[in-house]
Amino acid sequence: MKTTIRFLLLLYICPLIVGEEYLIKLKKSESIQSFLKSTKSQSLQIKDDIKNHIRERFTFGAFRALVIDLPNDMIEKLKKNPTISEIIPNLKVNAFANSSTYSELLTYSDKIIIQREAPRHLSRLSRRGQLPYDINNIDRYDNAFDYYFDAKYQGSSVNAYIIDTGIYKEHPEFEGRVKFAIDLTQEGPGDENGHGTHIAGIVGSKTFGVAKKVNIIDVKALDKKGQGQLSTILKALEFTIRHCKESVDKKCVANLSFGAIRTAIIDEAIKEAHNAGIVLVVAAGNSNIDACWNSPASSKDVITVGAFDDRTETIARFSNWGSCVDVFAPGVKVKSLSHINGSDVLLLSGTSMASPSVSGIAAILLDKGLNPKFVKSKIIESSTKNIFHQGTIMIKPNTPNLIVFNGIEKMDDSFEGARFPRIDFEGLINELKSYRVSVLDGSNMDNYSLGLDILNSSIIDSTTF
């Protein structure tokens, strides 16, 4: 079985390698200088200096790595170099998603504000129980939901780094709180995809956002196709660590709604960002497989977020699952901002849409003064337990039965004549057992999808992952 899976991995990964570029991770005791010195004693048979083949260098914390452009036979010789910890292809990385004043704020108490006619995903964050949904009249409850949030702590002392496709920062919903920081795609500022703007809107826009006063930092690492490379992600993490350290009066959270097949290099870079005091929130992935197959979702140093459908209170059929998932958040038909203009609202689905809700809650906890190293445990501890019917998780081993909650304890709102969908659990289980997922080349694989996409949200309404 392991041999078969390894073979499938190789077949899938080969088309995603960028030219003959490789990512080299050095041992912790080594430096790039010691690596260069050691190559002079190797019989690599390279006509010119190996320094001329280095495309990128990374140095942050104890992490040392570089991108090198060499033919495969030279790489095989380099694998014997004693300064090297790991060599992997510089793979592509993709985003995980499908592809004016909107509501009213009222004072509930001295400490709590109510957002009337709130988006469904926000309302679900501030209640313990299910929201009503009428499958025969899907618009019935469109303006019926309220979102309760802390009046004092809305993220103003926190930087939220959106490492994604860019952000339409001029959108009036951001109220001037978006700062363009760096473009690693050579496309320039802005968002030509929509994925990054939608996510930023969930983290911190006025109407659709969880942390409504957070400072949003645009780290553009994915292009208009929602794609990047592992080396680009390393550059984004390196920049985020440096920028966070320079922002001495701010705490930091980073949202990563993308992934690649599991690799120790990315996980070690993530660890350095975690050690620098950054709270990292990651989308679990949209392939309906164990999230432990993906990086950075597999890392213990992140908060990994799966998607659930708040209409049926079930894990979304596309969401990754397993022990590497920490908590679930709304991820089906989530409303947020468009990158096209300042008035359109987009409905997108995916774990990409689930993780920014948790990023927003993390920003609020940091704003309250919670130490970054305790944010993950606090979110898990505060979550709503045992909402998913056992029938929906019985074939998803070690999956937590936890839904994120924003901590505003109160009586849940009631709805007169509320309707809740009845779930055919037997049919659902049969559907999940036979579920097939598509990989990037359009072929199908039973049980496993090894894609490197931004957590695919093209399941429901839209075209981004």
Protein backbone atom coordinates (compact mmCIF):
# COMPACT_ATOMS: atom_id res chain seq x y z
CA MET A 1 0.00 0.00 0.00
CA LYS A 2 2.78 2.44 0.95
CA THR A 3 4.60 1.67 -2.32
CA THR A 4 1.44 2.35 -4.32
CA ILE A 5 0.84 5.67 -2.61
CA ARG A 6 4.49 6.69 -3.07
CA PHE A 7 4.21 5.86 -6.79
CA LEU A 8 1.04 7.93 -7.10
CA LEU A 9 2.76 10.79 -5.31
CA LEU A 10 5.64 10.74 -7.76
CA LEU A 11 3.31 10.64 -10.75
CA TYR A 12 1.41 13.59 -9.38
CA ILE A 13 4.32 15.73 -8.26
CA CYS A 14 6.49 15.47 -11.36
CA PRO A 15 4.48 17.97 -13.48
CA LEU A 16 4.54 20.46 -10.59
CA ILE A 17 8.30 20.81 -10.30
CA VAL A 18 9.50 24.25 -11.35
CA GLY A 19 12.18 23.64 -13.99
CA GLU A 20 15.23 22.07 -12.32
CA GLU A 21 15.01 24.19 -9.19
CA TYR A 22 15.51 22.48 -5.85
CA LEU A 23 15.03 23.63 -2.28
CA ILE A 24 17.98 22.76 -0.03
CA LYS A 25 17.58 22.79 3.75
CA LEU A 26 20.86 22.96 5.68
CA LYS A 27 21.53 21.34 9.02
CA LYS A 28 21.06 23.64 12.02
CA SER A 29 24.79 23.68 12.74
CA GLU A 30 25.62 24.81 9.21
CA SER A 31 25.53 28.13 7.34
CA ILE A 32 25.25 28.95 3.66
CA GLN A 33 28.94 29.86 3.75
CA SER A 34 29.91 26.44 5.14
CA PHE A 35 27.78 24.80 2.46
CA LEU A 36 29.56 26.72 -0.31
CA LYS A 37 32.93 25.83 1.17
CA SER A 38 32.03 22.14 1.35
CA THR A 39 30.99 22.01 -2.31
CA LYS A 40 34.50 22.95 -3.39
CA SER A 41 35.76 19.65 -2.03
CA GLN A 42 33.07 17.68 -3.86
CA SER A 43 33.57 16.42 -7.40
CA LEU A 44 30.43 18.05 -8.78
CA GLN A 45 31.89 18.71 -12.24
CA ILE A 46 30.16 22.09 -12.48
CA LYS A 47 31.92 24.32 -15.00
CA ASP A 48 31.29 27.58 -13.14
CA ASP A 49 31.03 28.54 -9.47
CA ILE A 50 28.07 26.90 -7.69
CA LYS A 51 27.19 30.35 -6.31
CA ASN A 52 26.01 31.25 -9.82
CA HIS A 53 23.32 28.56 -9.54
CA ILE A 54 21.80 29.86 -6.30
CA ARG A 55 18.48 31.59 -6.95
CA GLU A 56 17.28 32.38 -3.40
CA ARG A 57 18.74 32.35 0.13
CA PHE A 58 16.77 32.08 3.39
CA THR A 59 18.03 32.85 6.88
CA PHE A 60 15.62 33.32 9.78
CA GLY A 61 15.98 31.95 13.29
CA ALA A 62 17.76 28.61 13.07
CA PHE A 63 16.41 28.05 9.56
CA ARG A 64 18.94 28.06 6.70
CA ALA A 65 17.96 27.15 3.15
CA LEU A 66 18.49 28.06 -0.49
CA VAL A 67 17.01 27.48 -3.92
CA ILE A 68 19.46 26.11 -6.44
CA ASP A 69 19.18 25.52 -10.19
CA LEU A 70 21.11 22.38 -11.12
CA PRO A 71 20.51 19.30 -13.28
CA ASN A 72 19.35 16.11 -11.57
CA ASP A 73 22.72 14.35 -11.74
CA MET A 74 24.36 17.22 -9.86
CA ILE A 75 21.60 17.13 -7.25
CA GLU A 76 22.24 13.42 -6.68
CA LYS A 77 25.86 14.23 -5.88
CA LEU A 78 24.83 17.08 -3.59
CA LYS A 79 22.73 14.69 -1.52
CA LYS A 80 25.98 13.30 -0.12
CA ASN A 81 27.04 16.73 1.13
CA PRO A 82 27.39 16.60 4.95
CA THR A 83 25.99 20.14 5.47
CA ILE A 84 22.61 19.32 3.88
CA SER A 85 19.58 18.16 5.85
CA GLU A 86 17.11 17.75 2.98
CA ILE A 87 16.71 18.39 -0.76
CA ILE A 88 13.28 18.56 -2.40
CA PRO A 89 11.96 19.94 -5.70
CA ASN A 90 10.74 23.55 -5.60
CA LEU A 91 7.09 22.53 -5.96
CA LYS A 92 4.15 24.71 -6.87
CA VAL A 93 1.73 25.70 -4.11
CA ASN A 94 -1.92 26.61 -4.69
CA ALA A 95 -4.65 28.39 -2.75
CA PHE A 96 -7.52 26.43 -1.08
CA ALA A 97 -10.88 27.93 -2.15
CA ASN A 98 -13.74 27.72 -4.74
CA SER A 99 -13.90 30.04 -6.47
CA SER A 100 -21.40 50.62 1.36
CA THR A 101 -22.84 49.58 4.77
CA TYR A 102 -24.35 46.12 4.79
CA SER A 103 -25.63 45.83 8.36
CA GLU A 104 -26.36 47.74 11.55
CA LEU A 105 -24.44 47.76 14.85
CA LEU A 106 -26.30 48.09 18.14
CA THR A 107 -25.17 48.05 21.77
CA TYR A 108 -26.20 44.87 23.62
CA SER A 109 -24.46 45.82 26.87
CA ASP A 110 -21.48 47.91 27.97
CA LYS A 111 -19.19 45.12 26.82
CA ILE A 112 -21.02 43.56 23.88
CA ILE A 113 -22.11 44.90 20.49
CA ILE A 114 -24.76 43.31 18.27
CA GLN A 115 -24.36 43.32 14.49
CA ARG A 116 -27.89 43.08 13.10
CA GLU A 117 -28.54 41.25 9.82
CA ALA A 118 -25.09 39.74 10.11
CA PRO A 119 -23.61 37.25 7.65
CA ARG A 120 -24.46 33.68 8.58
CA HIS A 121 -20.87 32.64 9.27
CA LEU A 122 -20.43 35.43 11.84
CA SER A 123 -23.68 34.64 13.64
CA ARG A 124 -22.63 31.00 13.97
CA LEU A 125 -19.36 32.04 15.64
CA SER A 126 -21.22 33.72 18.53
CA ARG A 127 -23.73 30.96 19.33
CA ARG A 128 -23.50 27.41 20.59
CA GLY A 129 -26.47 25.96 18.70
CA GLN A 130 -27.47 25.45 15.09
CA LEU A 131 -28.84 28.27 12.95
CA PRO A 132 -32.13 27.61 11.14
CA TYR A 133 -32.15 26.90 7.42
CA ASP A 134 -35.16 26.29 5.17
CA ILE A 135 -34.18 24.11 2.23
CA ASN A 136 -37.46 25.01 0.49
CA ASN A 137 -36.87 28.75 0.88
CA ILE A 138 -33.13 29.34 1.14
CA ASP A 139 -33.52 33.13 1.41
CA ARG A 140 -35.92 32.93 4.35
CA TYR A 141 -33.36 33.77 7.04
CA ASP A 142 -31.08 36.06 5.04
CA ASN A 143 -31.63 39.07 7.32
CA ALA A 144 -32.51 37.22 10.51
CA PHE A 145 -29.14 36.64 12.17
CA ASP A 146 -27.22 38.65 14.75
CA TYR A 147 -23.52 38.56 15.58
CA TYR A 148 -22.41 39.35 19.14
CA PHE A 149 -18.86 40.56 19.69
CA ASP A 150 -16.67 42.29 22.25
CA ALA A 151 -17.08 46.08 22.20
CA LYS A 152 -13.56 46.81 23.44
CA TYR A 153 -11.37 44.20 21.77
CA GLN A 154 -11.61 44.14 17.98
CA GLY A 155 -7.96 43.58 17.04
CA SER A 156 -6.63 47.15 16.88
CA SER A 157 -3.32 46.18 18.53
CA VAL A 158 -2.75 43.25 16.15
CA ASN A 159 -1.27 42.82 12.67
CA ALA A 160 -3.05 40.15 10.61
CA TYR A 161 -0.77 38.95 7.80
CA ILE A 162 -2.76 37.66 4.82
CA ILE A 163 -0.27 35.53 2.86
CA ASP A 164 -2.28 35.04 -0.30
CA THR A 165 -3.14 36.43 -3.77
CA GLY A 166 -3.13 40.06 -2.68
CA ILE A 167 -5.90 42.34 -1.39
CA TYR A 168 -8.12 45.01 -2.96
CA LYS A 169 -7.03 47.40 -0.22
CA GLU A 170 -9.12 50.36 -1.43
CA HIS A 171 -12.35 48.51 -0.63
CA PRO A 172 -14.38 50.78 1.68
CA GLU A 173 -15.16 47.84 3.97
CA PHE A 174 -11.50 47.82 5.10
CA GLU A 175 -11.75 51.44 6.28
CA GLY A 176 -8.13 52.13 5.33
CA ARG A 177 -6.71 49.37 7.58
CA VAL A 178 -5.00 47.37 4.80
CA LYS A 179 -1.29 47.97 4.22
CA PHE A 180 0.37 46.58 1.11
CA ALA A 181 3.66 45.14 2.35
CA ILE A 182 5.35 43.04 -0.34
CA ASP A 183 4.73 41.45 -3.73
CA LEU A 184 6.52 38.15 -4.35
CA THR A 185 4.72 37.40 -7.63
CA GLN A 186 6.00 40.23 -9.87
CA GLU A 187 2.38 41.15 -10.63
CA GLY A 188 2.41 44.28 -8.50
CA PRO A 189 -0.02 45.33 -5.75
CA GLY A 190 -3.68 44.32 -5.78
CA ASP A 191 -5.64 41.11 -6.17
CA GLU A 192 -6.31 39.68 -9.63
CA ASN A 193 -7.76 36.44 -8.24
CA GLY A 194 -10.16 37.38 -5.44
CA HIS A 195 -9.06 34.73 -2.97
CA GLY A 196 -6.97 37.06 -0.83
CA THR A 197 -9.57 39.85 -0.69
CA HIS A 198 -12.31 37.41 0.31
CA ILE A 199 -10.14 36.00 3.11
CA ALA A 200 -9.08 39.44 4.34
CA GLY A 201 -12.75 40.40 4.45
CA ILE A 202 -13.55 37.48 6.76
CA VAL A 203 -10.62 38.29 9.03
CA GLY A 204 -11.25 41.99 9.45
CA SER A 205 -13.72 43.85 7.23
CA LYS A 206 -16.39 46.07 8.78
CA THR A 207 -19.37 43.88 7.87
CA PHE A 208 -18.04 40.40 7.15
CA GLY A 209 -15.04 40.42 9.46
CA VAL A 210 -14.49 38.85 12.86
CA ALA A 211 -11.87 41.34 14.14
CA LYS A 212 -13.31 44.59 12.86
CA LYS A 213 -10.40 46.88 13.76
CA VAL A 214 -7.43 44.61 13.04
CA ASN A 215 -4.52 45.92 10.96
CA ILE A 216 -4.37 43.87 7.76
CA ILE A 217 -0.96 43.32 6.16
CA ASP A 218 -0.98 42.23 2.51
CA VAL A 219 1.79 39.70 1.81
CA LYS A 220 1.22 38.79 -1.83
CA ALA A 221 2.76 35.35 -2.36
CA LEU A 222 0.31 33.69 -4.79
CA ASP A 223 -0.32 34.86 -8.35
CA LYS A 224 -3.55 35.52 -10.22
CA LYS A 225 -3.97 31.78 -10.75
CA GLY A 226 -3.71 31.21 -7.00
CA GLN A 227 -0.31 29.58 -7.39
CA GLY A 228 3.13 30.01 -5.91
CA GLN A 229 6.21 27.96 -5.10
CA LEU A 230 7.58 26.55 -1.88
CA SER A 231 10.41 29.06 -2.12
CA THR A 232 7.87 31.89 -2.40
CA ILE A 233 6.19 30.72 0.80
CA LEU A 234 9.56 30.68 2.56
CA LYS A 235 10.15 34.27 1.43
CA ALA A 236 6.71 35.24 2.69
CA LEU A 237 7.38 33.68 6.10
CA GLU A 238 10.82 35.30 6.27
CA PHE A 239 9.27 38.70 5.52
CA THR A 240 6.44 38.19 8.02
CA ILE A 241 8.87 37.30 10.81
CA ARG A 242 10.96 40.39 10.10
CA HIS A 243 7.97 42.72 9.76
CA CYS A 244 6.42 41.42 12.97
CA LYS A 245 9.67 41.97 14.89
CA GLU A 246 9.87 45.52 13.55
CA SER A 247 6.25 46.20 14.58
CA VAL A 248 7.20 46.39 18.25
CA ASP A 249 3.81 47.70 19.40
CA LYS A 250 1.79 44.99 17.60
CA LYS A 251 1.09 41.31 18.12
CA CYS A 252 0.89 39.13 15.05
CA VAL A 253 -1.34 36.50 13.46
CA ALA A 254 -0.85 35.06 9.97
CA ASN A 255 -3.50 33.37 7.81
CA LEU A 256 -2.27 30.69 5.40
CA SER A 257 -5.08 29.37 3.20
CA PHE A 258 -2.89 27.22 0.98
CA GLY A 259 -0.89 24.04 1.17
CA ALA A 260 1.41 21.53 -0.41
CA ILE A 261 2.21 17.90 0.13
CA ARG A 262 3.82 17.38 3.54
CA THR A 263 7.45 18.48 3.71
CA ALA A 264 9.72 18.96 6.70
CA ILE A 265 11.23 22.10 5.15
CA ILE A 266 7.97 24.05 5.30
CA ASP A 267 7.17 22.69 8.76
CA GLU A 268 10.57 23.80 10.09
CA ALA A 269 10.12 27.27 8.62
CA ILE A 270 6.68 27.41 10.25
CA LYS A 271 8.27 26.48 13.57
CA GLU A 272 10.63 29.47 13.31
CA ALA A 273 7.66 31.78 12.69
CA HIS A 274 5.91 30.27 15.71
CA ASN A 275 9.02 30.75 17.83
CA ALA A 276 9.03 34.41 16.76
CA GLY A 277 5.65 34.84 18.47
CA ILE A 278 3.41 34.70 15.40
CA VAL A 279 0.10 32.85 15.69
CA LEU A 280 -0.29 30.87 12.46
CA VAL A 281 -3.74 29.79 11.28
CA VAL A 282 -3.86 27.33 8.40
CA ALA A 283 -6.58 25.90 6.16
CA ALA A 284 -6.80 22.11 6.43
CA GLY A 285 -7.29 21.51 2.70
CA ASN A 286 -10.18 20.56 0.42
CA SER A 287 -9.30 17.06 -0.74
CA ASN A 288 -11.37 15.02 1.75
CA ILE A 289 -8.23 13.28 3.05
CA ASP A 290 -6.27 13.26 6.29
CA ALA A 291 -4.88 16.78 6.79
CA CYS A 292 -1.65 15.25 8.08
CA TRP A 293 -0.71 14.65 4.42
CA ASN A 294 -0.36 18.42 3.87
CA SER A 295 2.05 21.15 4.91
CA PRO A 296 1.67 23.41 6.76
CA ALA A 297 -1.59 21.82 8.01
CA SER A 298 0.38 18.93 9.53
CA SER A 299 2.51 21.19 11.73
CA LYS A 300 1.95 21.20 15.50
CA ASP A 301 2.92 24.87 15.52
CA VAL A 302 -0.21 26.07 13.68
CA ILE A 303 -3.95 26.12 14.26
CA THR A 304 -5.34 23.90 11.50
CA VAL A 305 -8.93 24.66 10.55
CA GLY A 306 -11.39 22.38 8.78
CA ALA A 307 -14.66 23.50 7.19
CA PHE A 308 -18.18 22.58 8.28
CA ASP A 309 -21.56 23.30 6.71
CA ASP A 310 -23.52 25.42 9.18
CA ARG A 311 -26.79 24.58 7.41
CA THR A 312 -26.60 20.88 8.28
CA GLU A 313 -24.01 20.97 11.10
CA THR A 314 -21.84 18.44 9.26
CA ILE A 315 -18.22 18.45 8.16
CA ALA A 316 -18.09 19.88 4.63
CA ARG A 317 -17.80 17.09 2.10
CA PHE A 318 -14.59 18.58 0.67
CA SER A 319 -12.83 19.34 3.96
CA ASN A 320 -9.72 17.51 5.08
CA TRP A 321 -9.99 15.90 8.50
CA GLY A 322 -8.03 13.82 11.04
CA SER A 323 -5.85 14.42 14.08
CA CYS A 324 -3.98 17.35 12.51
CA VAL A 325 -7.21 19.39 12.39
CA ASP A 326 -7.66 21.43 15.57
CA VAL A 327 -11.10 22.96 15.06
CA PHE A 328 -13.81 23.53 12.44
CA ALA A 329 -15.33 26.83 11.27
CA PRO A 330 -18.05 27.75 8.74
CA GLY A 331 -16.73 27.06 5.24
CA VAL A 332 -19.72 26.56 2.92
CA LYS A 333 -21.19 29.51 0.98
CA VAL A 334 -19.42 32.09 3.12
CA LYS A 335 -20.15 35.73 2.27
CA SER A 336 -17.31 38.21 1.97
CA LEU A 337 -15.82 40.90 -0.25
CA SER A 338 -15.20 40.97 -3.99
CA HIS A 339 -11.92 42.15 -5.49
CA ILE A 340 -13.79 43.64 -8.47
CA ASN A 341 -15.58 46.56 -6.82
CA GLY A 342 -16.72 47.91 -3.48
CA SER A 343 -20.32 46.67 -3.60
CA ASP A 344 -20.35 43.06 -4.81
CA VAL A 345 -20.58 40.21 -2.29
CA LEU A 346 -19.09 36.81 -3.11
CA LEU A 347 -20.20 33.41 -1.82
CA LEU A 348 -17.21 31.08 -1.66
CA SER A 349 -16.70 27.67 -0.10
CA GLY A 350 -13.58 25.93 1.16
CA THR A 351 -11.34 25.53 4.15
CA SER A 352 -9.78 28.77 2.90
CA MET A 353 -12.99 30.46 4.02
CA ALA A 354 -12.94 28.66 7.39
CA SER A 355 -9.42 29.54 8.57
CA PRO A 356 -9.84 33.37 8.45
CA SER A 357 -12.69 33.20 11.00
CA VAL A 358 -10.23 31.56 13.38
CA SER A 359 -7.54 34.10 12.44
CA GLY A 360 -9.98 36.84 13.45
CA ILE A 361 -10.71 35.19 16.79
CA ALA A 362 -6.96 34.76 17.36
CA ALA A 363 -6.51 38.50 16.71
CA ILE A 364 -9.16 39.32 19.32
CA LEU A 365 -7.49 37.07 21.91
CA LEU A 366 -4.13 38.72 21.21
CA ASP A 367 -5.78 42.14 21.51
CA LYS A 368 -7.02 41.10 24.96
CA GLY A 369 -3.41 40.45 25.98
CA LEU A 370 -3.28 36.66 25.73
CA ASN A 371 0.24 35.31 25.21
CA PRO A 372 0.59 34.01 21.61
CA LYS A 373 1.68 30.57 22.83
CA PHE A 374 -1.68 30.10 24.60
CA VAL A 375 -3.96 31.22 21.75
CA LYS A 376 -4.28 27.76 20.19
CA SER A 377 -5.20 26.04 23.46
CA LYS A 378 -7.67 28.82 24.32
CA ILE A 379 -9.47 28.48 20.97
CA ILE A 380 -9.71 24.70 21.38
CA GLU A 381 -10.81 24.98 25.02
CA SER A 382 -13.54 27.53 24.18
CA SER A 383 -14.90 25.66 21.16
CA THR A 384 -18.35 24.07 21.05
CA LYS A 385 -18.10 20.32 21.55
CA ASN A 386 -19.88 17.32 20.04
CA ILE A 387 -22.03 19.09 17.44
CA PHE A 388 -21.29 16.69 14.57
CA HIS A 389 -23.36 13.51 14.53
CA GLN A 390 -21.12 10.50 15.06
CA GLY A 391 -22.30 9.18 11.73
CA THR A 392 -20.57 12.06 9.95
CA ILE A 393 -17.15 11.43 11.50
CA MET A 394 -17.10 7.65 11.94
CA ILE A 395 -15.09 7.20 8.74
CA LYS A 396 -12.80 10.16 9.47
CA PRO A 397 -10.46 8.71 12.14
CA ASN A 398 -9.23 10.94 15.00
CA THR A 399 -11.17 13.98 13.77
CA PRO A 400 -12.03 16.47 16.54
CA ASN A 401 -15.71 17.21 17.11
CA LEU A 402 -15.10 20.91 17.76
CA ILE A 403 -16.60 24.10 16.29
CA VAL A 404 -14.93 27.46 16.90
CA PHE A 405 -16.70 29.91 19.25
CA ASN A 406 -15.87 33.58 19.83
CA GLY A 407 -16.33 33.43 23.60
CA ILE A 408 -19.40 35.70 24.00
CA GLU A 409 -21.40 33.59 26.45
CA LYS A 410 -25.13 34.38 26.33
CA MET A 411 -28.42 32.72 25.54
CA ASP A 412 -28.61 31.81 21.86
CA ASP A 413 -31.16 33.78 19.85
CA SER A 414 -34.42 31.94 19.17
CA PHE A 415 -36.32 32.01 15.88
CA GLU A 416 -40.09 31.77 15.68
CA GLY A 417 -41.15 28.84 13.53
CA ALA A 418 -37.51 27.93 12.91
CA ARG A 419 -36.84 25.17 10.43
CA PHE A 420 -33.81 22.92 10.48
CA PRO A 421 -32.88 20.51 7.68
CA ARG A 422 -33.28 16.83 8.44
CA ILE A 423 -30.23 14.86 7.47
CA ASP A 424 -30.34 11.45 5.86
CA PHE A 425 -27.32 10.11 7.74
CA GLU A 426 -27.37 6.73 6.02
CA GLY A 427 -27.36 8.40 2.63
CA LEU A 428 -24.65 10.84 3.75
CA ILE A 429 -22.39 8.03 4.95
CA ASN A 430 -22.88 6.10 1.70
CA GLU A 431 -22.04 9.26 -0.25
CA LEU A 432 -18.88 9.85 1.78
CA LYS A 433 -17.79 6.23 1.36
CA SER A 434 -18.01 6.55 -2.41
CA TYR A 435 -16.67 10.09 -2.59
CA ARG A 436 -14.08 10.73 -5.28
CA VAL A 437 -11.98 13.85 -5.47
CA SER A 438 -10.29 15.43 -8.46
CA VAL A 439 -6.61 16.20 -8.68
CA LEU A 440 -5.11 18.97 -10.77
CA ASP A 441 -4.84 16.99 -14.00
CA GLY A 442 -8.55 16.15 -13.91
CA SER A 443 -8.12 12.44 -13.20
CA ASN A 444 -9.68 10.75 -10.17
CA MET A 445 -8.21 8.81 -7.27
CA ASP A 446 -10.23 6.88 -4.72
CA ASN A 447 -9.86 8.14 -1.15
CA TYR A 448 -6.83 10.35 -1.77
CA SER A 449 -6.22 13.66 -3.49
CA LEU A 450 -2.63 14.78 -3.48
CA GLY A 451 -3.17 18.27 -4.90
CA LEU A 452 -1.15 21.30 -4.00
CA ASP A 453 -4.06 23.70 -4.37
CA ILE A 454 -5.22 26.60 -2.26
CA LEU A 455 -7.75 24.74 -0.27
CA ASN A 456 -10.21 24.03 -3.08
CA SER A 457 -13.39 26.04 -2.76
CA SER A 458 -14.65 25.40 -6.28
CA ILE A 459 -17.05 22.89 -4.79
CA ILE A 460 -20.12 25.09 -4.45
CA ASP A 461 -20.48 28.44 -6.14
CA SER A 462 -17.27 29.83 -7.42
CA THR A 463 -14.07 29.20 -9.31
CA THR A 464 -11.32 29.70 -6.78
CA PHE A 465 -10.01 26.90 -4.55
